[in-house]
Amino acid sequence: MDMERDGNEVAAEGAPARRGRRTAAGPERVRYFLPQAGSTTERPELGQEAASEGEALVEALRSGEVFYTLIAWRAVPEMTGREARIVKQPYAG
């Protein structure tokens, strides 16, 4: 597939275009936030939390602002034979 200048994929003729990166649904808990007043996309500050993605979409549309998603991760060690590495696991706390 070709890439547009902004990094989005351009689909072959007749195929739907895919945007962004999707991950498989997992146990991570996604939270949705509107920006705090005075916040910028270069220096985001989380404001009011929305109860759902739908609520965040509606509030962002009403206010003309963006909304942010947040997923908390925990760094844990993983041993594979003699090799250790750090992996991320969703934090459900």
PDB file of N, CA and C in Angstrom:
ATOM      1  N   MET A   1       0.832  -1.189   0.000  1.00  0.00           N
ATOM      2  CA  MET A   1       0.000   0.000   0.000  1.00  0.00           C
ATOM      3  C   MET A   1       0.873   1.247   0.000  1.00  0.00           C
ATOM      4  N   ASP A   2       0.365   2.285  -0.615  1.00  0.00           N
ATOM      5  CA  ASP A   2       1.051   3.563  -0.610  1.00  0.00           C
ATOM      6  C   ASP A   2       0.795   4.265   0.713  1.00  0.00           C
ATOM      7  N   MET A   3       1.683   5.180   1.068  1.00  0.00           N
ATOM      8  CA  MET A   3       1.491   5.971   2.285  1.00  0.00           C
ATOM      9  C   MET A   3       1.273   7.420   1.895  1.00  0.00           C
ATOM     10  N   GLU A   4       0.268   8.045   2.486  1.00  0.00           N
ATOM     11  CA  GLU A   4       0.062   9.471   2.305  1.00  0.00           C
ATOM     12  C   GLU A   4       1.136  10.199   3.092  1.00  0.00           C
ATOM     13  N   ARG A   5       1.236  11.491   2.885  1.00  0.00           N
ATOM     14  CA  ARG A   5       2.243  12.276   3.572  1.00  0.00           C
ATOM     15  C   ARG A   5       2.044  12.261   5.088  1.00  0.00           C
ATOM     16  N   ASP A   6       0.799  12.169   5.572  1.00  0.00           N
ATOM     17  CA  ASP A   6       0.557  12.182   7.011  1.00  0.00           C
ATOM     18  C   ASP A   6       0.688  10.802   7.649  1.00  0.00           C
ATOM     19  N   GLY A   7       1.049   9.771   6.875  1.00  0.00           N
ATOM     20  CA  GLY A   7       1.281   8.457   7.434  1.00  0.00           C
ATOM     21  C   GLY A   7       0.101   7.512   7.337  1.00  0.00           C
ATOM     22  N   ASN A   8      -1.060   7.982   6.888  1.00  0.00           N
ATOM     23  CA  ASN A   8      -2.209   7.105   6.739  1.00  0.00           C
ATOM     24  C   ASN A   8      -2.055   6.274   5.478  1.00  0.00           C
ATOM     25  N   GLU A   9      -2.543   5.043   5.535  1.00  0.00           N
ATOM     26  CA  GLU A   9      -2.441   4.164   4.385  1.00  0.00           C
ATOM     27  C   GLU A   9      -3.454   4.562   3.319  1.00  0.00           C
ATOM     28  N   VAL A  10      -3.072   4.393   2.077  1.00  0.00           N
ATOM     29  CA  VAL A  10      -3.978   4.613   0.963  1.00  0.00           C
ATOM     30  C   VAL A  10      -4.337   3.231   0.439  1.00  0.00           C
ATOM     31  N   ALA A  11      -5.622   2.912   0.412  1.00  0.00           N
ATOM     32  CA  ALA A  11      -6.073   1.582   0.006  1.00  0.00           C
ATOM     33  C   ALA A  11      -6.002   1.418  -1.500  1.00  0.00           C
ATOM     34  N   ALA A  12      -5.887   0.177  -1.926  1.00  0.00           N
ATOM     35  CA  ALA A  12      -5.947  -0.138  -3.351  1.00  0.00           C
ATOM     36  C   ALA A  12      -7.343   0.208  -3.852  1.00  0.00           C
ATOM     37  N   GLU A  13      -7.465   0.413  -5.144  1.00  0.00           N
ATOM     38  CA  GLU A  13      -8.743   0.823  -5.709  1.00  0.00           C
ATOM     39  C   GLU A  13      -9.847  -0.155  -5.320  1.00  0.00           C
ATOM     40  N   GLY A  14     -10.956   0.387  -4.809  1.00  0.00           N
ATOM     41  CA  GLY A  14     -12.091  -0.432  -4.433  1.00  0.00           C
ATOM     42  C   GLY A  14     -12.042  -0.954  -3.003  1.00  0.00           C
ATOM     43  N   ALA A  15     -10.898  -0.889  -2.350  1.00  0.00           N
ATOM     44  CA  ALA A  15     -10.781  -1.381  -0.970  1.00  0.00           C
ATOM     45  C   ALA A  15     -10.942  -0.211  -0.012  1.00  0.00           C
ATOM     46  N   PRO A  16     -11.560  -0.445   1.140  1.00  0.00           N
ATOM     47  CA  PRO A  16     -11.695   0.646   2.108  1.00  0.00           C
ATOM     48  C   PRO A  16     -10.328   1.023   2.691  1.00  0.00           C
ATOM     49  N   ALA A  17     -10.124   2.310   2.937  1.00  0.00           N
ATOM     50  CA  ALA A  17      -8.865   2.777   3.516  1.00  0.00           C
ATOM     51  C   ALA A  17      -8.875   2.536   5.020  1.00  0.00           C
ATOM     52  N   ARG A  18      -7.731   2.151   5.559  1.00  0.00           N
ATOM     53  CA  ARG A  18      -7.594   1.984   7.004  1.00  0.00           C
ATOM     54  C   ARG A  18      -6.863   3.198   7.535  1.00  0.00           C
ATOM     55  N   ARG A  19      -7.256   3.650   8.710  1.00  0.00           N
ATOM     56  CA  ARG A  19      -6.616   4.815   9.296  1.00  0.00           C
ATOM     57  C   ARG A  19      -6.019   4.409  10.629  1.00  0.00           C
ATOM     58  N   GLY A  20      -4.814   4.855  10.884  1.00  0.00           N
ATOM     59  CA  GLY A  20      -4.191   4.644  12.181  1.00  0.00           C
ATOM     60  C   GLY A  20      -3.878   3.188  12.459  1.00  0.00           C
ATOM     61  N   ARG A  21      -3.462   2.951  13.699  1.00  0.00           N
ATOM     62  CA  ARG A  21      -3.084   1.615  14.120  1.00  0.00           C
ATOM     63  C   ARG A  21      -4.120   1.068  15.072  1.00  0.00           C
ATOM     64  N   ARG A  22      -4.565  -0.114  14.865  1.00  0.00           N
ATOM     65  CA  ARG A  22      -5.526  -0.761  15.757  1.00  0.00           C
ATOM     66  C   ARG A  22      -4.817  -1.901  16.459  1.00  0.00           C
ATOM     67  N   THR A  23      -5.110  -2.060  17.740  1.00  0.00           N
ATOM     68  CA  THR A  23      -4.577  -3.196  18.465  1.00  0.00           C
ATOM     69  C   THR A  23      -5.729  -4.127  18.768  1.00  0.00           C
ATOM     70  N   ALA A  24      -5.410  -5.381  18.965  1.00  0.00           N
ATOM     71  CA  ALA A  24      -6.445  -6.351  19.296  1.00  0.00           C
ATOM     72  C   ALA A  24      -7.055  -5.981  20.641  1.00  0.00           C
ATOM     73  N   ALA A  25      -8.343  -6.229  20.764  1.00  0.00           N
ATOM     74  CA  ALA A  25      -9.013  -5.933  22.027  1.00  0.00           C
ATOM     75  C   ALA A  25      -8.394  -6.794  23.116  1.00  0.00           C
ATOM     76  N   GLY A  26      -8.065  -6.181  24.197  1.00  0.00           N
ATOM     77  CA  GLY A  26      -7.432  -6.903  25.287  1.00  0.00           C
ATOM     78  C   GLY A  26      -8.005  -6.461  26.609  1.00  0.00           C
ATOM     79  N   PRO A  27      -7.349  -6.847  27.683  1.00  0.00           N
ATOM     80  CA  PRO A  27      -7.878  -6.531  29.005  1.00  0.00           C
ATOM     81  C   PRO A  27      -7.634  -5.095  29.453  1.00  0.00           C
ATOM     82  N   GLU A  28      -6.915  -4.299  28.642  1.00  0.00           N
ATOM     83  CA  GLU A  28      -6.640  -2.924  29.056  1.00  0.00           C
ATOM     84  C   GLU A  28      -7.924  -2.115  29.156  1.00  0.00           C
ATOM     85  N   ARG A  29      -7.939  -1.209  30.096  1.00  0.00           N
ATOM     86  CA  ARG A  29      -9.103  -0.345  30.308  1.00  0.00           C
ATOM     87  C   ARG A  29      -8.782   1.031  29.748  1.00  0.00           C
ATOM     88  N   VAL A  30      -9.506   1.431  28.713  1.00  0.00           N
ATOM     89  CA  VAL A  30      -9.302   2.734  28.086  1.00  0.00           C
ATOM     90  C   VAL A  30     -10.163   3.751  28.818  1.00  0.00           C
ATOM     91  N   ARG A  31      -9.551   4.887  29.147  1.00  0.00           N
ATOM     92  CA  ARG A  31     -10.280   5.998  29.773  1.00  0.00           C
ATOM     93  C   ARG A  31     -10.241   7.176  28.812  1.00  0.00           C
ATOM     94  N   TYR A  32     -11.279   8.012  28.859  1.00  0.00           N
ATOM     95  CA  TYR A  32     -11.434   9.116  27.917  1.00  0.00           C
ATOM     96  C   TYR A  32     -11.497  10.440  28.674  1.00  0.00           C
ATOM     97  N   PHE A  33     -10.730  11.421  28.208  1.00  0.00           N
ATOM     98  CA  PHE A  33     -10.655  12.708  28.876  1.00  0.00           C
ATOM     99  C   PHE A  33     -10.791  13.845  27.880  1.00  0.00           C
ATOM    100  N   LEU A  34     -11.459  14.895  28.313  1.00  0.00           N
ATOM    101  CA  LEU A  34     -11.476  16.150  27.573  1.00  0.00           C
ATOM    102  C   LEU A  34     -10.280  16.952  28.068  1.00  0.00           C
ATOM    103  N   PRO A  35      -9.791  17.899  27.277  1.00  0.00           N
ATOM    104  CA  PRO A  35      -8.635  18.682  27.723  1.00  0.00           C
ATOM    105  C   PRO A  35      -9.019  19.685  28.809  1.00  0.00           C
ATOM    106  N   GLN A  36      -8.060  19.953  29.677  1.00  0.00           N
ATOM    107  CA  GLN A  36      -8.248  20.993  30.688  1.00  0.00           C
ATOM    108  C   GLN A  36      -8.149  22.349  29.987  1.00  0.00           C
ATOM    109  N   ALA A  37      -8.866  23.340  30.475  1.00  0.00           N
ATOM    110  CA  ALA A  37      -8.816  24.684  29.890  1.00  0.00           C
ATOM    111  C   ALA A  37      -7.370  25.178  29.849  1.00  0.00           C
ATOM    112  N   GLY A  38      -6.954  25.721  28.726  1.00  0.00           N
ATOM    113  CA  GLY A  38      -5.594  26.237  28.574  1.00  0.00           C
ATOM    114  C   GLY A  38      -4.601  25.195  28.096  1.00  0.00           C
ATOM    115  N   SER A  39      -5.016  23.961  28.008  1.00  0.00           N
ATOM    116  CA  SER A  39      -4.164  22.869  27.555  1.00  0.00           C
ATOM    117  C   SER A  39      -3.969  22.967  26.045  1.00  0.00           C
ATOM    118  N   THR A  40      -2.859  22.474  25.536  1.00  0.00           N
ATOM    119  CA  THR A  40      -2.613  22.441  24.090  1.00  0.00           C
ATOM    120  C   THR A  40      -2.272  21.014  23.690  1.00  0.00           C
ATOM    121  N   THR A  41      -2.324  20.720  22.394  1.00  0.00           N
ATOM    122  CA  THR A  41      -1.952  19.375  21.946  1.00  0.00           C
ATOM    123  C   THR A  41      -0.455  19.128  22.124  1.00  0.00           C
ATOM    124  N   GLU A  42       0.333  20.197  22.148  1.00  0.00           N
ATOM    125  CA  GLU A  42       1.773  20.051  22.386  1.00  0.00           C
ATOM    126  C   GLU A  42       2.065  19.777  23.860  1.00  0.00           C
ATOM    127  N   ARG A  43       1.194  20.269  24.726  1.00  0.00           N
ATOM    128  CA  ARG A  43       1.346  20.075  26.179  1.00  0.00           C
ATOM    129  C   ARG A  43      -0.037  19.759  26.755  1.00  0.00           C
ATOM    130  N   PRO A  44      -0.499  18.527  26.505  1.00  0.00           N
ATOM    131  CA  PRO A  44      -1.856  18.183  26.938  1.00  0.00           C
ATOM    132  C   PRO A  44      -1.983  18.057  28.453  1.00  0.00           C
ATOM    133  N   GLU A  45      -3.112  18.509  28.952  1.00  0.00           N
ATOM    134  CA  GLU A  45      -3.467  18.360  30.363  1.00  0.00           C
ATOM    135  C   GLU A  45      -4.864  17.770  30.393  1.00  0.00           C
ATOM    136  N   LEU A  46      -5.029  16.701  31.157  1.00  0.00           N
ATOM    137  CA  LEU A  46      -6.319  16.030  31.203  1.00  0.00           C
ATOM    138  C   LEU A  46      -7.298  16.802  32.061  1.00  0.00           C
ATOM    139  N   GLY A  47      -8.498  16.951  31.528  1.00  0.00           N
ATOM    140  CA  GLY A  47      -9.575  17.622  32.254  1.00  0.00           C
ATOM    141  C   GLY A  47     -10.621  16.616  32.685  1.00  0.00           C
ATOM    142  N   GLN A  48     -11.867  16.931  32.408  1.00  0.00           N
ATOM    143  CA  GLN A  48     -12.988  16.087  32.817  1.00  0.00           C
ATOM    144  C   GLN A  48     -12.923  14.723  32.136  1.00  0.00           C
ATOM    145  N   GLU A  49     -13.150  13.652  32.915  1.00  0.00           N
ATOM    146  CA  GLU A  49     -13.192  12.307  32.350  1.00  0.00           C
ATOM    147  C   GLU A  49     -14.598  12.027  31.826  1.00  0.00           C
ATOM    148  N   ALA A  50     -14.664  11.426  30.649  1.00  0.00           N
ATOM    149  CA  ALA A  50     -15.943  11.029  30.062  1.00  0.00           C
ATOM    150  C   ALA A  50     -16.213   9.573  30.430  1.00  0.00           C
ATOM    151  N   ALA A  51     -17.472   9.221  30.573  1.00  0.00           N
ATOM    152  CA  ALA A  51     -17.855   7.870  30.980  1.00  0.00           C
ATOM    153  C   ALA A  51     -17.634   6.834  29.884  1.00  0.00           C
ATOM    154  N   SER A  52     -17.638   7.284  28.619  1.00  0.00           N
ATOM    155  CA  SER A  52     -17.492   6.351  27.501  1.00  0.00           C
ATOM    156  C   SER A  52     -16.870   7.075  26.309  1.00  0.00           C
ATOM    157  N   GLU A  53     -16.482   6.301  25.307  1.00  0.00           N
ATOM    158  CA  GLU A  53     -15.948   6.905  24.094  1.00  0.00           C
ATOM    159  C   GLU A  53     -17.028   7.740  23.402  1.00  0.00           C
ATOM    160  N   GLY A  54     -18.249   7.248  23.392  1.00  0.00           N
ATOM    161  CA  GLY A  54     -19.348   7.993  22.773  1.00  0.00           C
ATOM    162  C   GLY A  54     -19.561   9.339  23.426  1.00  0.00           C
ATOM    163  N   GLU A  55     -19.522   9.361  24.764  1.00  0.00           N
ATOM    164  CA  GLU A  55     -19.684  10.633  25.479  1.00  0.00           C
ATOM    165  C   GLU A  55     -18.528  11.578  25.165  1.00  0.00           C
ATOM    166  N   ALA A  56     -17.314  11.047  25.093  1.00  0.00           N
ATOM    167  CA  ALA A  56     -16.153  11.872  24.763  1.00  0.00           C
ATOM    168  C   ALA A  56     -16.283  12.455  23.360  1.00  0.00           C
ATOM    169  N   LEU A  57     -16.759  11.656  22.416  1.00  0.00           N
ATOM    170  CA  LEU A  57     -16.957  12.138  21.048  1.00  0.00           C
ATOM    171  C   LEU A  57     -17.968  13.279  21.002  1.00  0.00           C
ATOM    172  N   VAL A  58     -19.086  13.108  21.684  1.00  0.00           N
ATOM    173  CA  VAL A  58     -20.131  14.139  21.683  1.00  0.00           C
ATOM    174  C   VAL A  58     -19.622  15.421  22.329  1.00  0.00           C
ATOM    175  N   GLU A  59     -18.977  15.298  23.488  1.00  0.00           N
ATOM    176  CA  GLU A  59     -18.474  16.490  24.182  1.00  0.00           C
ATOM    177  C   GLU A  59     -17.382  17.185  23.382  1.00  0.00           C
ATOM    178  N   ALA A  60     -16.516  16.417  22.733  1.00  0.00           N
ATOM    179  CA  ALA A  60     -15.461  17.007  21.903  1.00  0.00           C
ATOM    180  C   ALA A  60     -16.069  17.742  20.707  1.00  0.00           C
ATOM    181  N   LEU A  61     -17.109  17.173  20.125  1.00  0.00           N
ATOM    182  CA  LEU A  61     -17.785  17.834  19.004  1.00  0.00           C
ATOM    183  C   LEU A  61     -18.454  19.119  19.470  1.00  0.00           C
ATOM    184  N   ARG A  62     -19.150  19.066  20.595  1.00  0.00           N
ATOM    185  CA  ARG A  62     -19.826  20.263  21.129  1.00  0.00           C
ATOM    186  C   ARG A  62     -18.844  21.394  21.420  1.00  0.00           C
ATOM    187  N   SER A  63     -17.698  21.029  22.008  1.00  0.00           N
ATOM    188  CA  SER A  63     -16.737  22.051  22.435  1.00  0.00           C
ATOM    189  C   SER A  63     -15.755  22.443  21.336  1.00  0.00           C
ATOM    190  N   GLY A  64     -15.691  21.643  20.267  1.00  0.00           N
ATOM    191  CA  GLY A  64     -14.722  21.919  19.206  1.00  0.00           C
ATOM    192  C   GLY A  64     -13.303  21.565  19.621  1.00  0.00           C
ATOM    193  N   GLU A  65     -13.172  20.748  20.649  1.00  0.00           N
ATOM    194  CA  GLU A  65     -11.863  20.348  21.166  1.00  0.00           C
ATOM    195  C   GLU A  65     -11.552  18.915  20.773  1.00  0.00           C
ATOM    196  N   VAL A  66     -10.347  18.502  21.071  1.00  0.00           N
ATOM    197  CA  VAL A  66      -9.952  17.103  20.915  1.00  0.00           C
ATOM    198  C   VAL A  66     -10.348  16.359  22.188  1.00  0.00           C
ATOM    199  N   PHE A  67     -10.184  15.048  22.194  1.00  0.00           N
ATOM    200  CA  PHE A  67     -10.276  14.302  23.446  1.00  0.00           C
ATOM    201  C   PHE A  67      -9.109  13.337  23.484  1.00  0.00           C
ATOM    202  N   TYR A  68      -8.752  12.912  24.662  1.00  0.00           N
ATOM    203  CA  TYR A  68      -7.585  12.053  24.860  1.00  0.00           C
ATOM    204  C   TYR A  68      -8.008  10.699  25.398  1.00  0.00           C
ATOM    205  N   THR A  69      -7.278   9.662  24.998  1.00  0.00           N
ATOM    206  CA  THR A  69      -7.482   8.334  25.563  1.00  0.00           C
ATOM    207  C   THR A  69      -6.279   8.009  26.432  1.00  0.00           C
ATOM    208  N   LEU A  70      -6.526   7.257  27.473  1.00  0.00           N
ATOM    209  CA  LEU A  70      -5.464   6.902  28.408  1.00  0.00           C
ATOM    210  C   LEU A  70      -5.571   5.424  28.729  1.00  0.00           C
ATOM    211  N   ILE A  71      -4.458   4.711  28.606  1.00  0.00           N
ATOM    212  CA  ILE A  71      -4.363   3.315  29.020  1.00  0.00           C
ATOM    213  C   ILE A  71      -3.168   3.229  29.960  1.00  0.00           C
ATOM    214  N   ALA A  72      -3.371   2.656  31.131  1.00  0.00           N
ATOM    215  CA  ALA A  72      -2.275   2.498  32.098  1.00  0.00           C
ATOM    216  C   ALA A  72      -1.608   1.141  31.880  1.00  0.00           C
ATOM    217  N   TRP A  73      -0.287   1.130  31.904  1.00  0.00           N
ATOM    218  CA  TRP A  73       0.498  -0.081  31.710  1.00  0.00           C
ATOM    219  C   TRP A  73       1.416  -0.292  32.903  1.00  0.00           C
ATOM    220  N   ARG A  74       1.755  -1.525  33.153  1.00  0.00           N
ATOM    221  CA  ARG A  74       2.717  -1.883  34.189  1.00  0.00           C
ATOM    222  C   ARG A  74       3.918  -2.527  33.491  1.00  0.00           C
ATOM    223  N   ALA A  75       5.125  -2.118  33.865  1.00  0.00           N
ATOM    224  CA  ALA A  75       6.346  -2.726  33.323  1.00  0.00           C
ATOM    225  C   ALA A  75       6.706  -3.919  34.201  1.00  0.00           C
ATOM    226  N   VAL A  76       6.859  -5.088  33.567  1.00  0.00           N
ATOM    227  CA  VAL A  76       7.177  -6.309  34.317  1.00  0.00           C
ATOM    228  C   VAL A  76       8.330  -7.031  33.628  1.00  0.00           C
ATOM    229  N   PRO A  77       9.166  -7.735  34.423  1.00  0.00           N
ATOM    230  CA  PRO A  77      10.254  -8.501  33.815  1.00  0.00           C
ATOM    231  C   PRO A  77       9.717  -9.814  33.248  1.00  0.00           C
ATOM    232  N   GLU A  78      10.310 -10.256  32.165  1.00  0.00           N
ATOM    233  CA  GLU A  78       9.953 -11.537  31.565  1.00  0.00           C
ATOM    234  C   GLU A  78      11.236 -12.272  31.226  1.00  0.00           C
ATOM    235  N   MET A  79      11.325 -13.502  31.671  1.00  0.00           N
ATOM    236  CA  MET A  79      12.511 -14.310  31.403  1.00  0.00           C
ATOM    237  C   MET A  79      12.207 -15.286  30.280  1.00  0.00           C
ATOM    238  N   THR A  80      13.093 -15.336  29.297  1.00  0.00           N
ATOM    239  CA  THR A  80      13.015 -16.302  28.211  1.00  0.00           C
ATOM    240  C   THR A  80      14.357 -17.012  28.194  1.00  0.00           C
ATOM    241  N   GLY A  81      14.391 -18.194  28.806  1.00  0.00           N
ATOM    242  CA  GLY A  81      15.670 -18.891  28.944  1.00  0.00           C
ATOM    243  C   GLY A  81      16.585 -18.083  29.840  1.00  0.00           C
ATOM    244  N   ARG A  82      17.725 -17.680  29.320  1.00  0.00           N
ATOM    245  CA  ARG A  82      18.680 -16.867  30.085  1.00  0.00           C
ATOM    246  C   ARG A  82      18.533 -15.375  29.792  1.00  0.00           C
ATOM    247  N   GLU A  83      17.604 -15.037  28.940  1.00  0.00           N
ATOM    248  CA  GLU A  83      17.439 -13.655  28.520  1.00  0.00           C
ATOM    249  C   GLU A  83      16.293 -12.980  29.272  1.00  0.00           C
ATOM    250  N   ALA A  84      16.587 -11.832  29.848  1.00  0.00           N
ATOM    251  CA  ALA A  84      15.558 -11.054  30.540  1.00  0.00           C
ATOM    252  C   ALA A  84      15.191  -9.854  29.687  1.00  0.00           C
ATOM    253  N   ARG A  85      13.921  -9.532  29.711  1.00  0.00           N
ATOM    254  CA  ARG A  85      13.477  -8.320  29.023  1.00  0.00           C
ATOM    255  C   ARG A  85      12.320  -7.730  29.795  1.00  0.00           C
ATOM    256  N   ILE A  86      12.035  -6.474  29.506  1.00  0.00           N
ATOM    257  CA  ILE A  86      10.931  -5.771  30.153  1.00  0.00           C
ATOM    258  C   ILE A  86       9.780  -5.726  29.157  1.00  0.00           C
ATOM    259  N   VAL A  87       8.596  -6.107  29.633  1.00  0.00           N
ATOM    260  CA  VAL A  87       7.398  -6.074  28.786  1.00  0.00           C
ATOM    261  C   VAL A  87       6.329  -5.268  29.492  1.00  0.00           C
ATOM    262  N   LYS A  88       5.329  -4.830  28.729  1.00  0.00           N
ATOM    263  CA  LYS A  88       4.230  -4.076  29.327  1.00  0.00           C
ATOM    264  C   LYS A  88       3.015  -4.974  29.461  1.00  0.00           C
ATOM    265  N   GLN A  89       2.288  -4.780  30.557  1.00  0.00           N
ATOM    266  CA  GLN A  89       1.028  -5.477  30.789  1.00  0.00           C
ATOM    267  C   GLN A  89      -0.012  -4.427  31.158  1.00  0.00           C
ATOM    268  N   PRO A  90      -1.237  -4.607  30.703  1.00  0.00           N
ATOM    269  CA  PRO A  90      -2.284  -3.650  31.070  1.00  0.00           C
ATOM    270  C   PRO A  90      -2.473  -3.609  32.573  1.00  0.00           C
ATOM    271  N   TYR A  91      -2.642  -2.426  33.101  1.00  0.00           N
ATOM    272  CA  TYR A  91      -2.889  -2.236  34.522  1.00  0.00           C
ATOM    273  C   TYR A  91      -4.383  -2.025  34.706  1.00  0.00           C
ATOM    274  N   ALA A  92      -5.007  -2.893  35.460  1.00  0.00           N
ATOM    275  CA  ALA A  92      -6.449  -2.824  35.633  1.00  0.00           C
ATOM    276  C   ALA A  92      -6.846  -2.194  36.959  1.00  0.00           C
ATOM    277  N   GLY A  93      -5.888  -1.696  37.729  1.00  0.00           N
ATOM    278  CA  GLY A  93      -6.077  -1.133  39.051  1.00  0.00           C
ATOM    279  C   GLY A  93      -7.201  -0.236  39.162  1.00  0.00           C
TER     280      GLY A  93
END
